[in-house]
Amino acid sequence: MTLCDTGPLVALLDRTDADHKRCAAALTTLVELRTTWPCLTEAMYLLGQEGGLFAQDQLWGFVADGLVSLHIPADDEWERMRTLMRKYGDSPMDLADASLVAAAERLDVKRVFTLDSHFRAYRLADGKAFELVP
């Protein structure tokens, strides 16, 4: 399983995005992509700004077709997200990033499909670093 951040979701659907080709190439090597509601929401917003409803509907298609599944957080993950945002407040860590770190801890996953360099600094609860794709 690989957790998927906002950036690749947008880049995959926006062919004018500078990272489109890189993300499309990386996608061919990944199986079982999972994202979080905050990442999906952020991607919907960004795609709406660039491509409108058509682009947003394509993202819904990723979910409907099973290319990306949604992680539904357990009740205690929200408090973990809050704690993470405080810990990395100087970065700053946004909700989407915090949701991915909390999901990674819950699901015992280290691989994140992201374009966000902050994930080089973020650590899991056990102190381990993330494996970043691409």
N, C-alpha and C. Protein backbone atom coordinates (compact mmCIF):
# COMPACT_ATOMS: atom_id res chain seq x y z
N MET A 1 0.85 -1.18 0.00
CA MET A 1 0.00 0.00 0.00
C MET A 1 0.89 1.24 0.00
N THR A 2 0.42 2.26 -0.70
CA THR A 2 1.09 3.55 -0.75
C THR A 2 0.08 4.64 -0.44
N LEU A 3 0.42 5.50 0.48
CA LEU A 3 -0.44 6.65 0.76
C LEU A 3 -0.20 7.72 -0.29
N CYS A 4 -1.25 8.42 -0.68
CA CYS A 4 -1.17 9.39 -1.76
C CYS A 4 -1.55 10.79 -1.28
N ASP A 5 -0.63 11.71 -1.47
CA ASP A 5 -0.81 13.10 -1.10
C ASP A 5 -1.57 13.86 -2.20
N THR A 6 -1.90 15.08 -1.91
CA THR A 6 -2.65 15.94 -2.82
C THR A 6 -1.92 16.20 -4.14
N GLY A 7 -0.65 16.53 -4.07
CA GLY A 7 0.11 16.92 -5.26
C GLY A 7 0.04 15.94 -6.40
N PRO A 8 0.30 14.65 -6.16
CA PRO A 8 0.21 13.68 -7.24
C PRO A 8 -1.22 13.53 -7.79
N LEU A 9 -2.22 13.63 -6.93
CA LEU A 9 -3.60 13.54 -7.42
C LEU A 9 -3.87 14.64 -8.45
N VAL A 10 -3.41 15.84 -8.13
CA VAL A 10 -3.60 16.97 -9.04
C VAL A 10 -2.74 16.80 -10.29
N ALA A 11 -1.47 16.45 -10.11
CA ALA A 11 -0.56 16.32 -11.24
C ALA A 11 -1.00 15.24 -12.22
N LEU A 12 -1.55 14.15 -11.72
CA LEU A 12 -2.00 13.08 -12.60
C LEU A 12 -3.14 13.52 -13.52
N LEU A 13 -3.98 14.40 -13.02
CA LEU A 13 -5.14 14.83 -13.80
C LEU A 13 -4.92 16.11 -14.59
N ASP A 14 -3.94 16.90 -14.20
CA ASP A 14 -3.66 18.16 -14.89
C ASP A 14 -2.42 17.96 -15.77
N ARG A 15 -2.67 17.71 -17.04
CA ARG A 15 -1.56 17.42 -17.97
C ARG A 15 -0.60 18.60 -18.15
N THR A 16 -1.02 19.81 -17.73
CA THR A 16 -0.14 20.97 -17.82
C THR A 16 0.73 21.13 -16.58
N ASP A 17 0.47 20.33 -15.56
CA ASP A 17 1.26 20.38 -14.33
C ASP A 17 2.70 19.94 -14.62
N ALA A 18 3.66 20.66 -14.07
CA ALA A 18 5.08 20.37 -14.30
C ALA A 18 5.46 18.95 -13.86
N ASP A 19 4.72 18.38 -12.92
CA ASP A 19 5.03 17.04 -12.40
C ASP A 19 4.16 15.94 -13.00
N HIS A 20 3.36 16.27 -14.01
CA HIS A 20 2.44 15.27 -14.58
C HIS A 20 3.17 14.02 -15.06
N LYS A 21 4.17 14.18 -15.90
CA LYS A 21 4.86 13.02 -16.48
C LYS A 21 5.55 12.19 -15.40
N ARG A 22 6.17 12.86 -14.47
CA ARG A 22 6.88 12.16 -13.39
C ARG A 22 5.91 11.34 -12.54
N CYS A 23 4.75 11.93 -12.23
CA CYS A 23 3.75 11.22 -11.42
C CYS A 23 3.10 10.09 -12.20
N ALA A 24 2.84 10.32 -13.48
CA ALA A 24 2.25 9.26 -14.31
C ALA A 24 3.20 8.07 -14.42
N ALA A 25 4.49 8.34 -14.56
CA ALA A 25 5.47 7.26 -14.62
C ALA A 25 5.54 6.50 -13.29
N ALA A 26 5.52 7.24 -12.20
CA ALA A 26 5.58 6.60 -10.87
C ALA A 26 4.33 5.76 -10.62
N LEU A 27 3.19 6.22 -11.10
CA LEU A 27 1.93 5.51 -10.88
C LEU A 27 1.98 4.08 -11.43
N THR A 28 2.72 3.87 -12.50
CA THR A 28 2.79 2.53 -13.11
C THR A 28 3.48 1.53 -12.19
N THR A 29 4.21 2.01 -11.18
CA THR A 29 4.92 1.12 -10.27
C THR A 29 4.20 0.93 -8.95
N LEU A 30 3.09 1.62 -8.76
CA LEU A 30 2.40 1.61 -7.46
C LEU A 30 1.13 0.78 -7.50
N VAL A 31 0.85 0.13 -6.40
CA VAL A 31 -0.41 -0.61 -6.24
C VAL A 31 -1.07 -0.17 -4.95
N GLU A 32 -2.36 -0.27 -4.91
CA GLU A 32 -3.17 0.03 -3.74
C GLU A 32 -2.87 1.43 -3.17
N LEU A 33 -3.25 2.45 -3.93
CA LEU A 33 -3.12 3.83 -3.45
C LEU A 33 -4.24 4.15 -2.49
N ARG A 34 -3.90 4.80 -1.40
CA ARG A 34 -4.90 5.22 -0.43
C ARG A 34 -4.63 6.67 -0.07
N THR A 35 -5.68 7.46 0.03
CA THR A 35 -5.55 8.85 0.43
C THR A 35 -6.50 9.13 1.58
N THR A 36 -6.48 10.35 2.04
CA THR A 36 -7.33 10.76 3.16
C THR A 36 -8.33 11.80 2.68
N TRP A 37 -9.38 12.00 3.46
CA TRP A 37 -10.38 13.02 3.12
C TRP A 37 -9.76 14.41 2.99
N PRO A 38 -8.87 14.83 3.91
CA PRO A 38 -8.27 16.16 3.72
C PRO A 38 -7.49 16.28 2.41
N CYS A 39 -6.78 15.24 2.00
CA CYS A 39 -6.05 15.28 0.72
C CYS A 39 -7.01 15.33 -0.45
N LEU A 40 -8.06 14.52 -0.39
CA LEU A 40 -9.06 14.52 -1.46
C LEU A 40 -9.74 15.88 -1.57
N THR A 41 -10.07 16.46 -0.44
CA THR A 41 -10.71 17.78 -0.41
C THR A 41 -9.79 18.85 -1.01
N GLU A 42 -8.53 18.82 -0.61
CA GLU A 42 -7.57 19.79 -1.12
C GLU A 42 -7.39 19.62 -2.64
N ALA A 43 -7.30 18.38 -3.11
CA ALA A 43 -7.16 18.12 -4.54
C ALA A 43 -8.39 18.58 -5.30
N MET A 44 -9.58 18.33 -4.74
CA MET A 44 -10.82 18.79 -5.38
C MET A 44 -10.81 20.30 -5.54
N TYR A 45 -10.38 21.00 -4.52
CA TYR A 45 -10.32 22.46 -4.57
C TYR A 45 -9.37 22.92 -5.67
N LEU A 46 -8.15 22.37 -5.66
CA LEU A 46 -7.14 22.78 -6.63
C LEU A 46 -7.55 22.44 -8.06
N LEU A 47 -8.11 21.25 -8.25
CA LEU A 47 -8.57 20.87 -9.58
C LEU A 47 -9.74 21.72 -10.03
N GLY A 48 -10.59 22.11 -9.10
CA GLY A 48 -11.71 22.98 -9.43
C GLY A 48 -11.23 24.33 -9.92
N GLN A 49 -10.14 24.82 -9.33
CA GLN A 49 -9.56 26.10 -9.75
C GLN A 49 -8.97 26.02 -11.15
N GLU A 50 -8.37 24.90 -11.47
CA GLU A 50 -7.68 24.74 -12.75
C GLU A 50 -8.58 24.19 -13.86
N GLY A 51 -9.34 23.15 -13.54
CA GLY A 51 -10.09 22.46 -14.60
C GLY A 51 -11.58 22.38 -14.40
N GLY A 52 -12.05 22.97 -13.30
CA GLY A 52 -13.49 22.99 -13.05
C GLY A 52 -14.07 21.62 -12.72
N LEU A 53 -15.36 21.52 -12.93
CA LEU A 53 -16.11 20.30 -12.59
C LEU A 53 -15.58 19.07 -13.33
N PHE A 54 -15.16 19.25 -14.58
CA PHE A 54 -14.65 18.11 -15.35
C PHE A 54 -13.46 17.47 -14.64
N ALA A 55 -12.51 18.28 -14.21
CA ALA A 55 -11.32 17.75 -13.53
C ALA A 55 -11.70 17.11 -12.19
N GLN A 56 -12.63 17.75 -11.48
CA GLN A 56 -13.08 17.18 -10.21
C GLN A 56 -13.76 15.83 -10.43
N ASP A 57 -14.55 15.73 -11.49
CA ASP A 57 -15.23 14.47 -11.79
C ASP A 57 -14.23 13.38 -12.15
N GLN A 58 -13.14 13.74 -12.79
CA GLN A 58 -12.10 12.76 -13.08
C GLN A 58 -11.49 12.21 -11.79
N LEU A 59 -11.32 13.09 -10.80
CA LEU A 59 -10.80 12.63 -9.51
C LEU A 59 -11.80 11.69 -8.84
N TRP A 60 -13.08 12.02 -8.89
CA TRP A 60 -14.09 11.09 -8.37
C TRP A 60 -13.98 9.75 -9.09
N GLY A 61 -13.66 9.80 -10.38
CA GLY A 61 -13.48 8.57 -11.14
C GLY A 61 -12.36 7.71 -10.60
N PHE A 62 -11.27 8.34 -10.13
CA PHE A 62 -10.18 7.58 -9.51
C PHE A 62 -10.70 6.76 -8.33
N VAL A 63 -11.58 7.38 -7.55
CA VAL A 63 -12.14 6.70 -6.37
C VAL A 63 -13.13 5.62 -6.83
N ALA A 64 -14.03 5.99 -7.74
CA ALA A 64 -15.05 5.05 -8.21
C ALA A 64 -14.43 3.83 -8.88
N ASP A 65 -13.34 4.03 -9.61
CA ASP A 65 -12.68 2.93 -10.33
C ASP A 65 -11.72 2.14 -9.46
N GLY A 66 -11.52 2.59 -8.22
CA GLY A 66 -10.65 1.86 -7.31
C GLY A 66 -9.17 2.17 -7.47
N LEU A 67 -8.82 3.16 -8.29
CA LEU A 67 -7.42 3.54 -8.42
C LEU A 67 -6.90 4.10 -7.09
N VAL A 68 -7.78 4.82 -6.39
CA VAL A 68 -7.46 5.40 -5.09
C VAL A 68 -8.59 5.06 -4.13
N SER A 69 -8.25 4.57 -2.95
CA SER A 69 -9.27 4.34 -1.93
C SER A 69 -9.08 5.37 -0.82
N LEU A 70 -10.12 5.52 -0.03
CA LEU A 70 -10.10 6.51 1.06
C LEU A 70 -9.87 5.84 2.40
N HIS A 71 -8.94 6.39 3.15
CA HIS A 71 -8.72 5.94 4.52
C HIS A 71 -9.72 6.69 5.41
N ILE A 72 -10.51 5.95 6.13
CA ILE A 72 -11.45 6.55 7.09
C ILE A 72 -10.77 6.51 8.45
N PRO A 73 -10.51 7.67 9.03
CA PRO A 73 -9.74 7.70 10.28
C PRO A 73 -10.52 7.17 11.48
N ALA A 74 -9.79 6.52 12.34
CA ALA A 74 -10.36 6.11 13.63
C ALA A 74 -10.52 7.37 14.48
N ASP A 75 -11.36 7.30 15.49
CA ASP A 75 -11.64 8.47 16.32
C ASP A 75 -10.40 9.12 16.91
N ASP A 76 -9.43 8.32 17.32
CA ASP A 76 -8.24 8.91 17.96
C ASP A 76 -7.25 9.52 16.97
N GLU A 77 -7.43 9.29 15.68
CA GLU A 77 -6.51 9.87 14.69
C GLU A 77 -6.63 11.38 14.63
N TRP A 78 -7.82 11.92 14.90
CA TRP A 78 -7.98 13.37 14.86
C TRP A 78 -7.10 14.05 15.91
N GLU A 79 -7.02 13.46 17.08
CA GLU A 79 -6.16 14.03 18.12
C GLU A 79 -4.69 13.89 17.72
N ARG A 80 -4.34 12.79 17.08
CA ARG A 80 -2.96 12.62 16.60
C ARG A 80 -2.63 13.69 15.55
N MET A 81 -3.57 13.99 14.66
CA MET A 81 -3.35 15.04 13.66
C MET A 81 -3.10 16.39 14.34
N ARG A 82 -3.87 16.66 15.35
CA ARG A 82 -3.71 17.92 16.09
C ARG A 82 -2.32 17.99 16.72
N THR A 83 -1.91 16.89 17.33
CA THR A 83 -0.59 16.82 17.96
C THR A 83 0.52 17.02 16.93
N LEU A 84 0.38 16.38 15.78
CA LEU A 84 1.38 16.51 14.72
C LEU A 84 1.47 17.94 14.20
N MET A 85 0.32 18.59 14.02
CA MET A 85 0.32 19.97 13.53
C MET A 85 1.00 20.90 14.53
N ARG A 86 0.86 20.61 15.81
CA ARG A 86 1.57 21.40 16.82
C ARG A 86 3.07 21.11 16.76
N LYS A 87 3.42 19.85 16.66
CA LYS A 87 4.82 19.45 16.65
C LYS A 87 5.57 20.07 15.47
N TYR A 88 4.94 20.05 14.30
CA TYR A 88 5.59 20.56 13.08
C TYR A 88 5.05 21.94 12.70
N GLY A 89 4.63 22.70 13.69
CA GLY A 89 4.05 24.02 13.46
C GLY A 89 4.98 24.99 12.77
N ASP A 90 6.28 24.79 12.92
CA ASP A 90 7.23 25.69 12.27
C ASP A 90 7.42 25.38 10.79
N SER A 91 6.90 24.25 10.31
CA SER A 91 7.06 23.87 8.91
C SER A 91 6.24 24.73 7.96
N PRO A 92 5.01 25.05 8.13
CA PRO A 92 4.03 24.42 9.01
C PRO A 92 3.44 23.17 8.37
N MET A 93 2.95 22.26 9.19
CA MET A 93 2.27 21.07 8.71
C MET A 93 0.79 21.40 8.55
N ASP A 94 0.24 21.13 7.37
CA ASP A 94 -1.19 21.37 7.18
C ASP A 94 -1.98 20.11 7.52
N LEU A 95 -3.29 20.22 7.49
CA LEU A 95 -4.17 19.11 7.86
C LEU A 95 -3.98 17.92 6.94
N ALA A 96 -3.81 18.17 5.64
CA ALA A 96 -3.64 17.06 4.70
C ALA A 96 -2.39 16.24 5.06
N ASP A 97 -1.28 16.92 5.32
CA ASP A 97 -0.05 16.21 5.69
C ASP A 97 -0.23 15.47 7.02
N ALA A 98 -0.84 16.12 7.98
CA ALA A 98 -1.05 15.48 9.29
C ALA A 98 -1.93 14.23 9.14
N SER A 99 -2.92 14.31 8.27
CA SER A 99 -3.80 13.15 8.07
C SER A 99 -3.04 11.98 7.45
N LEU A 100 -2.10 12.26 6.57
CA LEU A 100 -1.30 11.19 5.97
C LEU A 100 -0.36 10.56 6.98
N VAL A 101 0.26 11.38 7.83
CA VAL A 101 1.17 10.83 8.85
C VAL A 101 0.37 9.97 9.83
N ALA A 102 -0.78 10.46 10.26
CA ALA A 102 -1.61 9.68 11.19
C ALA A 102 -2.09 8.38 10.54
N ALA A 103 -2.48 8.45 9.27
CA ALA A 103 -2.90 7.25 8.55
C ALA A 103 -1.74 6.27 8.41
N ALA A 104 -0.56 6.78 8.12
CA ALA A 104 0.62 5.92 7.99
C ALA A 104 0.89 5.16 9.29
N GLU A 105 0.75 5.86 10.40
CA GLU A 105 0.95 5.20 11.70
C GLU A 105 -0.12 4.16 11.96
N ARG A 106 -1.35 4.48 11.66
CA ARG A 106 -2.46 3.55 11.89
C ARG A 106 -2.33 2.31 11.01
N LEU A 107 -1.96 2.52 9.75
CA LEU A 107 -1.92 1.43 8.77
C LEU A 107 -0.55 0.74 8.68
N ASP A 108 0.43 1.26 9.42
CA ASP A 108 1.79 0.75 9.39
C ASP A 108 2.36 0.78 7.97
N VAL A 109 2.29 1.97 7.37
CA VAL A 109 2.76 2.21 6.00
C VAL A 109 3.81 3.31 6.04
N LYS A 110 4.89 3.13 5.29
CA LYS A 110 5.95 4.14 5.24
C LYS A 110 6.04 4.84 3.89
N ARG A 111 5.44 4.26 2.86
CA ARG A 111 5.57 4.83 1.51
C ARG A 111 4.49 5.87 1.26
N VAL A 112 4.94 7.06 0.79
CA VAL A 112 4.02 8.15 0.47
C VAL A 112 4.33 8.67 -0.94
N PHE A 113 3.31 8.73 -1.76
CA PHE A 113 3.38 9.30 -3.10
C PHE A 113 3.11 10.79 -2.92
N THR A 114 4.18 11.59 -2.99
CA THR A 114 4.06 13.01 -2.66
C THR A 114 5.06 13.84 -3.45
N LEU A 115 4.74 15.09 -3.62
CA LEU A 115 5.66 16.07 -4.20
C LEU A 115 6.11 17.06 -3.14
N ASP A 116 5.66 16.85 -1.92
CA ASP A 116 5.89 17.76 -0.79
C ASP A 116 7.20 17.42 -0.08
N SER A 117 8.15 18.34 -0.11
CA SER A 117 9.46 18.11 0.51
C SER A 117 9.38 18.03 2.04
N HIS A 118 8.29 18.50 2.63
CA HIS A 118 8.15 18.42 4.09
C HIS A 118 8.21 16.97 4.58
N PHE A 119 7.80 16.03 3.72
CA PHE A 119 7.81 14.63 4.16
C PHE A 119 9.22 14.09 4.38
N ARG A 120 10.24 14.83 3.94
CA ARG A 120 11.61 14.44 4.25
C ARG A 120 11.91 14.69 5.73
N ALA A 121 11.22 15.65 6.33
CA ALA A 121 11.44 16.00 7.73
C ALA A 121 10.48 15.27 8.67
N TYR A 122 9.28 14.97 8.21
CA TYR A 122 8.30 14.30 9.08
C TYR A 122 8.80 12.91 9.46
N ARG A 123 8.44 12.51 10.67
CA ARG A 123 8.79 11.18 11.16
C ARG A 123 7.55 10.50 11.72
N LEU A 124 7.56 9.18 11.61
CA LEU A 124 6.50 8.38 12.22
C LEU A 124 6.71 8.37 13.73
N ALA A 125 5.73 7.90 14.46
CA ALA A 125 5.81 7.88 15.92
C ALA A 125 7.03 7.12 16.42
N ASP A 126 7.46 6.11 15.66
CA ASP A 126 8.64 5.33 16.08
C ASP A 126 9.96 5.97 15.63
N GLY A 127 9.88 7.17 15.03
CA GLY A 127 11.07 7.89 14.62
C GLY A 127 11.56 7.57 13.21
N LYS A 128 10.92 6.62 12.55
CA LYS A 128 11.35 6.24 11.21
C LYS A 128 10.92 7.26 10.17
N ALA A 129 11.73 7.36 9.12
CA ALA A 129 11.46 8.27 8.02
C ALA A 129 10.51 7.62 7.01
N PHE A 130 9.91 8.45 6.19
CA PHE A 130 9.03 7.97 5.12
C PHE A 130 9.84 7.57 3.90
N GLU A 131 9.31 6.65 3.13
CA GLU A 131 9.84 6.31 1.81
C GLU A 131 9.01 7.11 0.82
N LEU A 132 9.66 8.00 0.07
CA LEU A 132 8.93 8.92 -0.80
C LEU A 132 8.97 8.47 -2.26
N VAL A 133 7.83 8.61 -2.91
CA VAL A 133 7.68 8.34 -4.34
C VAL A 133 7.08 9.58 -4.94
N PRO A 134 7.48 10.15 -6.05
CA PRO A 134 8.52 9.62 -6.94
C PRO A 134 9.90 9.94 -6.42
